[in-house]
Amino acid sequence: MALPASSRESQAKFNTGTDAIAGIAIRQLGGLPIAVMDRAESALLLDRAGAPDRPLGRRPLYVTSANGEVMSRAASEPAIRRLFEAADLIHADGQAMVVASRYVGAPPLPERVATTDLFHDVARLAERSGTSFYLLGGTAETMALAESAIRAAYPALVIAGARNGYIEAADEDAVVAEINRLRPGILWIGMGVPREQSFAIRHLDRLTDVGAIKTSGGLFDFLSGRRTRAPQWMQTAGLEWLYRTMLEPRRLAVRYLTTNPHAVYLMLRRSGH
């Protein structure tokens, strides 16, 4: 699927020279600038940004994702808001956001762009295009399992490198240098909010041989098989948060019961074109 036409009005002000995002419509939803894109468009954008023939020596495209919890935290914590507003694009990784967008301003979001689904879309494209991946995040054991599963599912995919996300401050420069040396097309960072956004922003101007950065939350936990997705009907109904809460009630119950109502309020009061 082709990217949105360049004539399509964009209300975003990006701080990157990447031309690929110039025609992507952006709308305010719950106080955050959300990209009006479907999964196919998003996958193609990342694959093109990380293509082997991309220009080197310039800042990578930086894409992150938001859901109801992020929306709530961004409204309450200025530091979190700044991390997300620094991204070139913010995907809607929450079905409730898609539903709400149909009733609070225009244009509506076409579908949820969940990173756990998007990864597979991009991997299928990358097998054909030669776009390479670097996987950063999780524990060493989780990453070993995730990498093994990815290689089995996508044997033609080029994985330039992978490592766990527990990086000491003294080692961060060496990790960044290693990633740059390997020149991955796409750097997938799964450290959780806000560590992954903070890491990406700290090193944007140094990762000049990387084509794109995509923050990924718990992606590697799912790829490794350590966590399972909610049934499709719960995902479609916007109830994946409930499924996760049932699996980890002590850790997630208070969080979701607090942030979800706040997110609904924000989408009703802070949304527009």
C-alpha atoms as a PDB file:
ATOM      1  CA  MET A   1       0.000   0.000   0.000  1.00  0.00           C
ATOM      2  CA  ALA A   2       1.283   3.418  -0.908  1.00  0.00           C
ATOM      3  CA  LEU A   3       1.973   6.051   1.697  1.00  0.00           C
ATOM      4  CA  PRO A   4      -0.542   8.891   1.983  1.00  0.00           C
ATOM      5  CA  ALA A   5      -0.234  11.389  -0.862  1.00  0.00           C
ATOM      6  CA  SER A   6       1.960  14.405  -0.242  1.00  0.00           C
ATOM      7  CA  SER A   7      -1.023  16.636  -0.952  1.00  0.00           C
ATOM      8  CA  ARG A   8      -2.727  15.339   2.178  1.00  0.00           C
ATOM      9  CA  GLU A   9      -2.502  18.085   4.749  1.00  0.00           C
ATOM     10  CA  SER A  10      -0.250  17.448   7.733  1.00  0.00           C
ATOM     11  CA  GLN A  11      -0.484  19.477  10.890  1.00  0.00           C
ATOM     12  CA  ALA A  12       2.741  18.140  12.326  1.00  0.00           C
ATOM     13  CA  LYS A  13       5.976  20.022  12.779  1.00  0.00           C
ATOM     14  CA  PHE A  14       8.719  17.440  12.551  1.00  0.00           C
ATOM     15  CA  ASN A  15      12.328  18.006  13.516  1.00  0.00           C
ATOM     16  CA  THR A  16      13.763  15.673  10.909  1.00  0.00           C
ATOM     17  CA  GLY A  17      14.701  16.118   7.286  1.00  0.00           C
ATOM     18  CA  THR A  18      13.007  12.850   6.284  1.00  0.00           C
ATOM     19  CA  ASP A  19      10.734  13.561   3.338  1.00  0.00           C
ATOM     20  CA  ALA A  20       8.795  10.320   3.764  1.00  0.00           C
ATOM     21  CA  ILE A  21       6.597  11.721   6.533  1.00  0.00           C
ATOM     22  CA  ALA A  22       5.788  15.059   4.925  1.00  0.00           C
ATOM     23  CA  GLY A  23       2.365  13.977   3.662  1.00  0.00           C
ATOM     24  CA  ILE A  24       1.151  12.046   6.696  1.00  0.00           C
ATOM     25  CA  ALA A  25      -1.895  13.564   8.399  1.00  0.00           C
ATOM     26  CA  ILE A  26      -1.622  14.174  12.130  1.00  0.00           C
ATOM     27  CA  ARG A  27      -4.517  14.747  14.496  1.00  0.00           C
ATOM     28  CA  GLN A  28      -4.786  15.651  18.135  1.00  0.00           C
ATOM     29  CA  LEU A  29      -6.258  12.866  20.237  1.00  0.00           C
ATOM     30  CA  GLY A  30      -6.341  13.145  23.990  1.00  0.00           C
ATOM     31  CA  GLY A  31      -3.718  15.871  23.802  1.00  0.00           C
ATOM     32  CA  LEU A  32      -1.178  13.933  21.727  1.00  0.00           C
ATOM     33  CA  PRO A  33      -0.392  14.281  18.004  1.00  0.00           C
ATOM     34  CA  ILE A  34      -1.318  10.906  16.516  1.00  0.00           C
ATOM     35  CA  ALA A  35      -0.445   9.751  12.989  1.00  0.00           C
ATOM     36  CA  VAL A  36      -3.436   8.884  10.802  1.00  0.00           C
ATOM     37  CA  MET A  37      -1.980   5.681   9.360  1.00  0.00           C
ATOM     38  CA  ASP A  38      -2.904   2.042   9.061  1.00  0.00           C
ATOM     39  CA  ARG A  39      -0.542  -0.873   9.684  1.00  0.00           C
ATOM     40  CA  ALA A  40       0.336  -1.412   6.034  1.00  0.00           C
ATOM     41  CA  GLU A  41       1.303   2.225   5.559  1.00  0.00           C
ATOM     42  CA  SER A  42       3.274   2.193   8.803  1.00  0.00           C
ATOM     43  CA  ALA A  43       5.141  -0.971   7.853  1.00  0.00           C
ATOM     44  CA  LEU A  44       6.034   0.380   4.428  1.00  0.00           C
ATOM     45  CA  LEU A  45       7.278   3.636   5.922  1.00  0.00           C
ATOM     46  CA  LEU A  46       9.632   1.838   8.332  1.00  0.00           C
ATOM     47  CA  ASP A  47      10.872  -0.564   5.690  1.00  0.00           C
ATOM     48  CA  ARG A  48      11.622   2.285   3.274  1.00  0.00           C
ATOM     49  CA  ALA A  49      13.347   4.326   5.985  1.00  0.00           C
ATOM     50  CA  GLY A  50      15.608   1.368   6.754  1.00  0.00           C
ATOM     51  CA  ALA A  51      16.251   0.221   3.183  1.00  0.00           C
ATOM     52  CA  PRO A  52      19.833  -0.882   2.406  1.00  0.00           C
ATOM     53  CA  ASP A  53      20.261   1.936  -0.129  1.00  0.00           C
ATOM     54  CA  ARG A  54      19.202   4.670   2.335  1.00  0.00           C
ATOM     55  CA  PRO A  55      21.520   7.664   2.812  1.00  0.00           C
ATOM     56  CA  LEU A  56      23.828   7.281   5.800  1.00  0.00           C
ATOM     57  CA  GLY A  57      25.139   9.933   8.153  1.00  0.00           C
ATOM     58  CA  ARG A  58      21.841  11.547   9.095  1.00  0.00           C
ATOM     59  CA  ARG A  59      19.390  11.379  11.950  1.00  0.00           C
ATOM     60  CA  PRO A  60      17.078   8.340  11.909  1.00  0.00           C
ATOM     61  CA  LEU A  61      13.311   8.470  11.669  1.00  0.00           C
ATOM     62  CA  TYR A  62      11.981   8.087  15.221  1.00  0.00           C
ATOM     63  CA  VAL A  63       8.576   6.443  15.687  1.00  0.00           C
ATOM     64  CA  THR A  64       6.879   5.643  18.988  1.00  0.00           C
ATOM     65  CA  SER A  65       3.398   4.517  20.080  1.00  0.00           C
ATOM     66  CA  ALA A  66       0.759   5.669  22.545  1.00  0.00           C
ATOM     67  CA  ASN A  67      -2.167   4.011  24.296  1.00  0.00           C
ATOM     68  CA  GLY A  68      -4.550   5.102  27.025  1.00  0.00           C
ATOM     69  CA  GLU A  69      -1.974   4.734  29.764  1.00  0.00           C
ATOM     70  CA  VAL A  70       0.562   6.829  27.845  1.00  0.00           C
ATOM     71  CA  MET A  71      -2.090   9.449  27.119  1.00  0.00           C
ATOM     72  CA  SER A  72      -2.918   9.702  30.811  1.00  0.00           C
ATOM     73  CA  ARG A  73       0.710   9.891  31.897  1.00  0.00           C
ATOM     74  CA  ALA A  74       1.560  12.478  29.241  1.00  0.00           C
ATOM     75  CA  ALA A  75      -1.212  14.712  30.547  1.00  0.00           C
ATOM     76  CA  SER A  76      -0.023  14.355  34.152  1.00  0.00           C
ATOM     77  CA  GLU A  77       3.751  14.250  33.711  1.00  0.00           C
ATOM     78  CA  PRO A  78       5.353  16.992  31.570  1.00  0.00           C
ATOM     79  CA  ALA A  79       8.561  14.964  31.185  1.00  0.00           C
ATOM     80  CA  ILE A  80       6.631  12.066  29.646  1.00  0.00           C
ATOM     81  CA  ARG A  81       4.767  14.429  27.332  1.00  0.00           C
ATOM     82  CA  ARG A  82       8.033  15.939  26.087  1.00  0.00           C
ATOM     83  CA  LEU A  83       9.440  12.492  25.325  1.00  0.00           C
ATOM     84  CA  PHE A  84       6.482  11.663  23.105  1.00  0.00           C
ATOM     85  CA  GLU A  85       6.230  15.037  21.436  1.00  0.00           C
ATOM     86  CA  ALA A  86       9.885  14.684  20.397  1.00  0.00           C
ATOM     87  CA  ALA A  87       8.993  11.722  18.166  1.00  0.00           C
ATOM     88  CA  ASP A  88       8.556  12.154  14.430  1.00  0.00           C
ATOM     89  CA  LEU A  89       5.430   9.985  14.496  1.00  0.00           C
ATOM     90  CA  ILE A  90       3.205   8.537  17.223  1.00  0.00           C
ATOM     91  CA  HIS A  91       1.171   5.458  16.328  1.00  0.00           C
ATOM     92  CA  ALA A  92      -2.135   4.647  18.013  1.00  0.00           C
ATOM     93  CA  ASP A  93      -1.467   1.392  19.889  1.00  0.00           C
ATOM     94  CA  GLY A  94      -4.895   1.241  21.512  1.00  0.00           C
ATOM     95  CA  GLN A  95      -8.237   0.169  20.059  1.00  0.00           C
ATOM     96  CA  ALA A  96     -10.100   2.634  22.280  1.00  0.00           C
ATOM     97  CA  MET A  97      -8.191   5.434  20.562  1.00  0.00           C
ATOM     98  CA  VAL A  98      -9.382   4.234  17.162  1.00  0.00           C
ATOM     99  CA  VAL A  99     -13.008   4.054  18.305  1.00  0.00           C
ATOM    100  CA  ALA A 100     -12.880   7.453  20.013  1.00  0.00           C
ATOM    101  CA  SER A 101     -11.356   9.091  16.937  1.00  0.00           C
ATOM    102  CA  ARG A 102     -14.570   8.413  15.008  1.00  0.00           C
ATOM    103  CA  TYR A 103     -16.576  10.628  17.340  1.00  0.00           C
ATOM    104  CA  VAL A 104     -14.204  13.389  18.485  1.00  0.00           C
ATOM    105  CA  GLY A 105     -13.083  15.362  15.471  1.00  0.00           C
ATOM    106  CA  ALA A 106     -11.591  14.265  12.185  1.00  0.00           C
ATOM    107  CA  PRO A 107     -10.018  12.501  10.446  1.00  0.00           C
ATOM    108  CA  PRO A 108     -10.675   9.162  12.182  1.00  0.00           C
ATOM    109  CA  LEU A 109      -7.828   6.726  12.705  1.00  0.00           C
ATOM    110  CA  PRO A 110      -8.091   3.836  10.210  1.00  0.00           C
ATOM    111  CA  GLU A 111      -7.019   1.106  12.640  1.00  0.00           C
ATOM    112  CA  ARG A 112      -4.908   0.265  15.632  1.00  0.00           C
ATOM    113  CA  VAL A 113      -1.186   0.041  14.905  1.00  0.00           C
ATOM    114  CA  ALA A 114      -0.025  -2.346  17.616  1.00  0.00           C
ATOM    115  CA  THR A 115       3.737  -2.837  17.612  1.00  0.00           C
ATOM    116  CA  THR A 116       3.329  -6.562  18.257  1.00  0.00           C
ATOM    117  CA  ASP A 117       1.482  -6.815  14.920  1.00  0.00           C
ATOM    118  CA  LEU A 118       3.491  -4.168  13.088  1.00  0.00           C
ATOM    119  CA  PHE A 119       6.750  -6.002  13.735  1.00  0.00           C
ATOM    120  CA  HIS A 120       5.556  -8.972  11.683  1.00  0.00           C
ATOM    121  CA  ASP A 121       4.301  -6.704   8.884  1.00  0.00           C
ATOM    122  CA  VAL A 122       7.708  -5.033   8.662  1.00  0.00           C
ATOM    123  CA  ALA A 123       9.605  -8.334   8.938  1.00  0.00           C
ATOM    124  CA  ARG A 124       7.758  -9.740   5.918  1.00  0.00           C
ATOM    125  CA  LEU A 125       8.641  -6.650   3.886  1.00  0.00           C
ATOM    126  CA  ALA A 126      12.236  -6.670   5.141  1.00  0.00           C
ATOM    127  CA  GLU A 127      12.782 -10.252   3.999  1.00  0.00           C
ATOM    128  CA  ARG A 128      12.252  -9.040   0.440  1.00  0.00           C
ATOM    129  CA  SER A 129      13.878  -5.596   0.680  1.00  0.00           C
ATOM    130  CA  GLY A 130      16.962  -6.554   2.691  1.00  0.00           C
ATOM    131  CA  THR A 131      16.212  -4.061   5.480  1.00  0.00           C
ATOM    132  CA  SER A 132      18.103  -5.243   8.566  1.00  0.00           C
ATOM    133  CA  PHE A 133      16.999  -5.218  12.214  1.00  0.00           C
ATOM    134  CA  TYR A 134      18.744  -4.616  15.518  1.00  0.00           C
ATOM    135  CA  LEU A 135      16.851  -5.838  18.588  1.00  0.00           C
ATOM    136  CA  LEU A 136      17.445  -4.023  21.882  1.00  0.00           C
ATOM    137  CA  GLY A 137      15.579  -4.711  25.107  1.00  0.00           C
ATOM    138  CA  GLY A 138      14.379  -7.347  27.544  1.00  0.00           C
ATOM    139  CA  THR A 139      16.536  -9.683  29.571  1.00  0.00           C
ATOM    140  CA  ALA A 140      19.331 -11.719  28.023  1.00  0.00           C
ATOM    141  CA  GLU A 141      17.200 -14.869  28.195  1.00  0.00           C
ATOM    142  CA  THR A 142      14.167 -13.165  26.696  1.00  0.00           C
ATOM    143  CA  MET A 143      16.231 -11.775  23.822  1.00  0.00           C
ATOM    144  CA  ALA A 144      17.777 -15.160  23.077  1.00  0.00           C
ATOM    145  CA  LEU A 145      14.307 -16.709  22.851  1.00  0.00           C
ATOM    146  CA  ALA A 146      12.927 -13.816  20.817  1.00  0.00           C
ATOM    147  CA  GLU A 147      15.810 -13.833  18.351  1.00  0.00           C
ATOM    148  CA  SER A 148      15.501 -17.593  17.884  1.00  0.00           C
ATOM    149  CA  ALA A 149      11.767 -17.303  17.215  1.00  0.00           C
ATOM    150  CA  ILE A 150      12.263 -14.443  14.755  1.00  0.00           C
ATOM    151  CA  ARG A 151      14.929 -16.325  12.816  1.00  0.00           C
ATOM    152  CA  ALA A 152      12.677 -19.374  12.602  1.00  0.00           C
ATOM    153  CA  ALA A 153       9.682 -17.353  11.412  1.00  0.00           C
ATOM    154  CA  TYR A 154      11.637 -15.133   8.979  1.00  0.00           C
ATOM    155  CA  PRO A 155      14.701 -17.051   7.751  1.00  0.00           C
ATOM    156  CA  ALA A 156      15.549 -14.449   5.095  1.00  0.00           C
ATOM    157  CA  LEU A 157      15.448 -11.541   7.556  1.00  0.00           C
ATOM    158  CA  VAL A 158      18.807  -9.910   8.300  1.00  0.00           C
ATOM    159  CA  ILE A 159      19.292  -9.459  12.047  1.00  0.00           C
ATOM    160  CA  ALA A 160      22.316  -7.220  12.368  1.00  0.00           C
ATOM    161  CA  GLY A 161      22.494  -7.627  16.136  1.00  0.00           C
ATOM    162  CA  ALA A 162      20.614  -8.116  19.388  1.00  0.00           C
ATOM    163  CA  ARG A 163      21.264  -7.505  23.054  1.00  0.00           C
ATOM    164  CA  ASN A 164      19.417  -7.093  26.336  1.00  0.00           C
ATOM    165  CA  GLY A 165      18.152  -3.688  27.426  1.00  0.00           C
ATOM    166  CA  TYR A 166      19.818  -3.587  30.838  1.00  0.00           C
ATOM    167  CA  ILE A 167      22.627  -1.198  29.995  1.00  0.00           C
ATOM    168  CA  GLU A 168      24.803   0.437  32.607  1.00  0.00           C
ATOM    169  CA  ALA A 169      25.384   4.155  32.090  1.00  0.00           C
ATOM    170  CA  ALA A 170      29.091   3.511  31.624  1.00  0.00           C
ATOM    171  CA  ASP A 171      28.369   1.071  28.781  1.00  0.00           C
ATOM    172  CA  GLU A 172      25.822   3.144  26.881  1.00  0.00           C
ATOM    173  CA  ASP A 173      28.327   4.855  24.591  1.00  0.00           C
ATOM    174  CA  ALA A 174      29.809   1.507  23.573  1.00  0.00           C
ATOM    175  CA  VAL A 175      26.345   0.075  22.814  1.00  0.00           C
ATOM    176  CA  VAL A 176      25.466   3.074  20.648  1.00  0.00           C
ATOM    177  CA  ALA A 177      28.788   2.809  18.813  1.00  0.00           C
ATOM    178  CA  GLU A 178      28.204  -0.895  18.178  1.00  0.00           C
ATOM    179  CA  ILE A 179      24.726  -0.266  16.776  1.00  0.00           C
ATOM    180  CA  ASN A 180      26.085   2.449  14.490  1.00  0.00           C
ATOM    181  CA  ARG A 181      28.875   0.159  13.319  1.00  0.00           C
ATOM    182  CA  LEU A 182      26.374  -2.534  12.344  1.00  0.00           C
ATOM    183  CA  ARG A 183      24.189   0.002  10.484  1.00  0.00           C
ATOM    184  CA  PRO A 184      20.806  -1.671  11.046  1.00  0.00           C
ATOM    185  CA  GLY A 185      17.940  -0.415   8.943  1.00  0.00           C
ATOM    186  CA  ILE A 186      15.581  -0.446  11.925  1.00  0.00           C
ATOM    187  CA  LEU A 187      16.433  -0.367  15.616  1.00  0.00           C
ATOM    188  CA  TRP A 188      13.615  -1.914  17.692  1.00  0.00           C
ATOM    189  CA  ILE A 189      13.873  -0.770  21.335  1.00  0.00           C
ATOM    190  CA  GLY A 190      11.791  -2.640  23.909  1.00  0.00           C
ATOM    191  CA  MET A 191      12.590  -1.194  27.324  1.00  0.00           C
ATOM    192  CA  GLY A 192       9.163   0.078  28.363  1.00  0.00           C
ATOM    193  CA  VAL A 193       7.902   3.626  28.851  1.00  0.00           C
ATOM    194  CA  PRO A 194       9.725   5.939  29.440  1.00  0.00           C
ATOM    195  CA  ARG A 195      13.134   4.211  29.264  1.00  0.00           C
ATOM    196  CA  GLU A 196      12.903   3.364  25.579  1.00  0.00           C
ATOM    197  CA  GLN A 197      11.821   6.874  24.546  1.00  0.00           C
ATOM    198  CA  SER A 198      14.520   8.418  26.716  1.00  0.00           C
ATOM    199  CA  PHE A 199      17.214   6.166  25.232  1.00  0.00           C
ATOM    200  CA  ALA A 200      16.105   6.954  21.685  1.00  0.00           C
ATOM    201  CA  ILE A 201      16.036  10.706  22.207  1.00  0.00           C
ATOM    202  CA  ARG A 202      19.395  10.777  24.017  1.00  0.00           C
ATOM    203  CA  HIS A 203      21.083   9.148  21.050  1.00  0.00           C
ATOM    204  CA  LEU A 204      19.108  10.342  18.029  1.00  0.00           C
ATOM    205  CA  ASP A 205      21.856  12.633  16.843  1.00  0.00           C
ATOM    206  CA  ARG A 206      24.486   9.921  17.263  1.00  0.00           C
ATOM    207  CA  LEU A 207      22.699   6.985  15.621  1.00  0.00           C
ATOM    208  CA  THR A 208      23.258   8.477  12.201  1.00  0.00           C
ATOM    209  CA  ASP A 209      23.806   5.147  10.431  1.00  0.00           C
ATOM    210  CA  VAL A 210      20.448   3.761  11.580  1.00  0.00           C
ATOM    211  CA  GLY A 211      17.503   4.250   9.240  1.00  0.00           C
ATOM    212  CA  ALA A 212      14.650   4.211  11.750  1.00  0.00           C
ATOM    213  CA  ILE A 213      14.024   3.690  15.452  1.00  0.00           C
ATOM    214  CA  LYS A 214      10.791   2.097  16.650  1.00  0.00           C
ATOM    215  CA  THR A 215      10.036   1.901  20.366  1.00  0.00           C
ATOM    216  CA  SER A 216       8.436  -1.431  21.121  1.00  0.00           C
ATOM    217  CA  GLY A 217       7.292  -1.831  24.734  1.00  0.00           C
ATOM    218  CA  GLY A 218       6.888  -5.509  25.605  1.00  0.00           C
ATOM    219  CA  LEU A 219       7.426  -6.725  22.030  1.00  0.00           C
ATOM    220  CA  PHE A 220      10.243  -9.106  22.886  1.00  0.00           C
ATOM    221  CA  ASP A 221       8.263 -10.702  25.711  1.00  0.00           C
ATOM    222  CA  PHE A 222       5.588 -11.618  23.153  1.00  0.00           C
ATOM    223  CA  LEU A 223       8.054 -12.723  20.485  1.00  0.00           C
ATOM    224  CA  SER A 224       9.866 -14.912  23.002  1.00  0.00           C
ATOM    225  CA  GLY A 225       6.625 -16.606  24.035  1.00  0.00           C
ATOM    226  CA  ARG A 226       6.870 -15.392  27.626  1.00  0.00           C
ATOM    227  CA  ARG A 227       3.647 -13.438  27.250  1.00  0.00           C
ATOM    228  CA  THR A 228       0.550 -14.175  25.214  1.00  0.00           C
ATOM    229  CA  ARG A 229      -1.750 -11.821  23.339  1.00  0.00           C
ATOM    230  CA  ALA A 230      -5.387 -11.426  24.278  1.00  0.00           C
ATOM    231  CA  PRO A 231      -7.928 -13.313  22.145  1.00  0.00           C
ATOM    232  CA  GLN A 232      -8.726 -11.457  18.938  1.00  0.00           C
ATOM    233  CA  TRP A 233     -12.227 -10.540  20.079  1.00  0.00           C
ATOM    234  CA  MET A 234     -10.786  -8.795  23.145  1.00  0.00           C
ATOM    235  CA  GLN A 235      -8.268  -6.914  21.007  1.00  0.00           C
ATOM    236  CA  THR A 236     -11.032  -5.796  18.632  1.00  0.00           C
ATOM    237  CA  ALA A 237     -13.223  -4.705  21.542  1.00  0.00           C
ATOM    238  CA  GLY A 238     -10.392  -2.698  23.085  1.00  0.00           C
ATOM    239  CA  LEU A 239     -10.134  -5.049  26.061  1.00  0.00           C
ATOM    240  CA  GLU A 240      -6.560  -6.230  25.768  1.00  0.00           C
ATOM    241  CA  TRP A 241      -5.805  -4.210  28.910  1.00  0.00           C
ATOM    242  CA  LEU A 242      -8.350  -6.369  30.774  1.00  0.00           C
ATOM    243  CA  TYR A 243      -6.695  -9.559  29.579  1.00  0.00           C
ATOM    244  CA  ARG A 244      -3.310  -8.331  30.773  1.00  0.00           C
ATOM    245  CA  THR A 245      -4.822  -7.291  34.094  1.00  0.00           C
ATOM    246  CA  MET A 246      -6.239 -10.781  34.604  1.00  0.00           C
ATOM    247  CA  LEU A 247      -2.752 -12.213  34.030  1.00  0.00           C
ATOM    248  CA  GLU A 248      -0.989  -9.709  36.318  1.00  0.00           C
ATOM    249  CA  PRO A 249      -3.633  -8.227  38.645  1.00  0.00           C
ATOM    250  CA  ARG A 250      -1.272  -7.008  41.352  1.00  0.00           C
ATOM    251  CA  ARG A 251       0.930  -5.130  38.921  1.00  0.00           C
ATOM    252  CA  LEU A 252      -1.655  -3.766  36.494  1.00  0.00           C
ATOM    253  CA  ALA A 253      -5.069  -3.459  38.156  1.00  0.00           C
ATOM    254  CA  VAL A 254      -4.532  -0.123  39.895  1.00  0.00           C
ATOM    255  CA  ARG A 255      -2.637   1.266  36.899  1.00  0.00           C
ATOM    256  CA  TYR A 256      -5.375   0.562  34.364  1.00  0.00           C
ATOM    257  CA  LEU A 257      -8.275   1.430  36.662  1.00  0.00           C
ATOM    258  CA  THR A 258      -6.640   4.807  37.172  1.00  0.00           C
ATOM    259  CA  THR A 259      -5.362   5.650  33.696  1.00  0.00           C
ATOM    260  CA  ASN A 260      -8.216   4.280  31.550  1.00  0.00           C
ATOM    261  CA  PRO A 261     -10.951   6.623  32.869  1.00  0.00           C
ATOM    262  CA  HIS A 262      -8.508   9.524  32.660  1.00  0.00           C
ATOM    263  CA  ALA A 263      -7.712   8.630  29.046  1.00  0.00           C
ATOM    264  CA  VAL A 264     -11.406   8.571  28.145  1.00  0.00           C
ATOM    265  CA  TYR A 265     -11.806  12.025  29.703  1.00  0.00           C
ATOM    266  CA  LEU A 266      -8.794  13.307  27.755  1.00  0.00           C
ATOM    267  CA  MET A 267     -10.081  11.951  24.442  1.00  0.00           C
ATOM    268  CA  LEU A 268     -13.405  13.695  25.026  1.00  0.00           C
ATOM    269  CA  ARG A 269     -11.877  17.015  26.083  1.00  0.00           C
ATOM    270  CA  ARG A 270      -8.526  17.250  24.258  1.00  0.00           C
ATOM    271  CA  SER A 271      -9.148  15.999  20.757  1.00  0.00           C
ATOM    272  CA  GLY A 272      -9.543  17.763  17.451  1.00  0.00           C
ATOM    273  CA  HIS A 273      -8.245  18.102  13.931  1.00  0.00           C
END
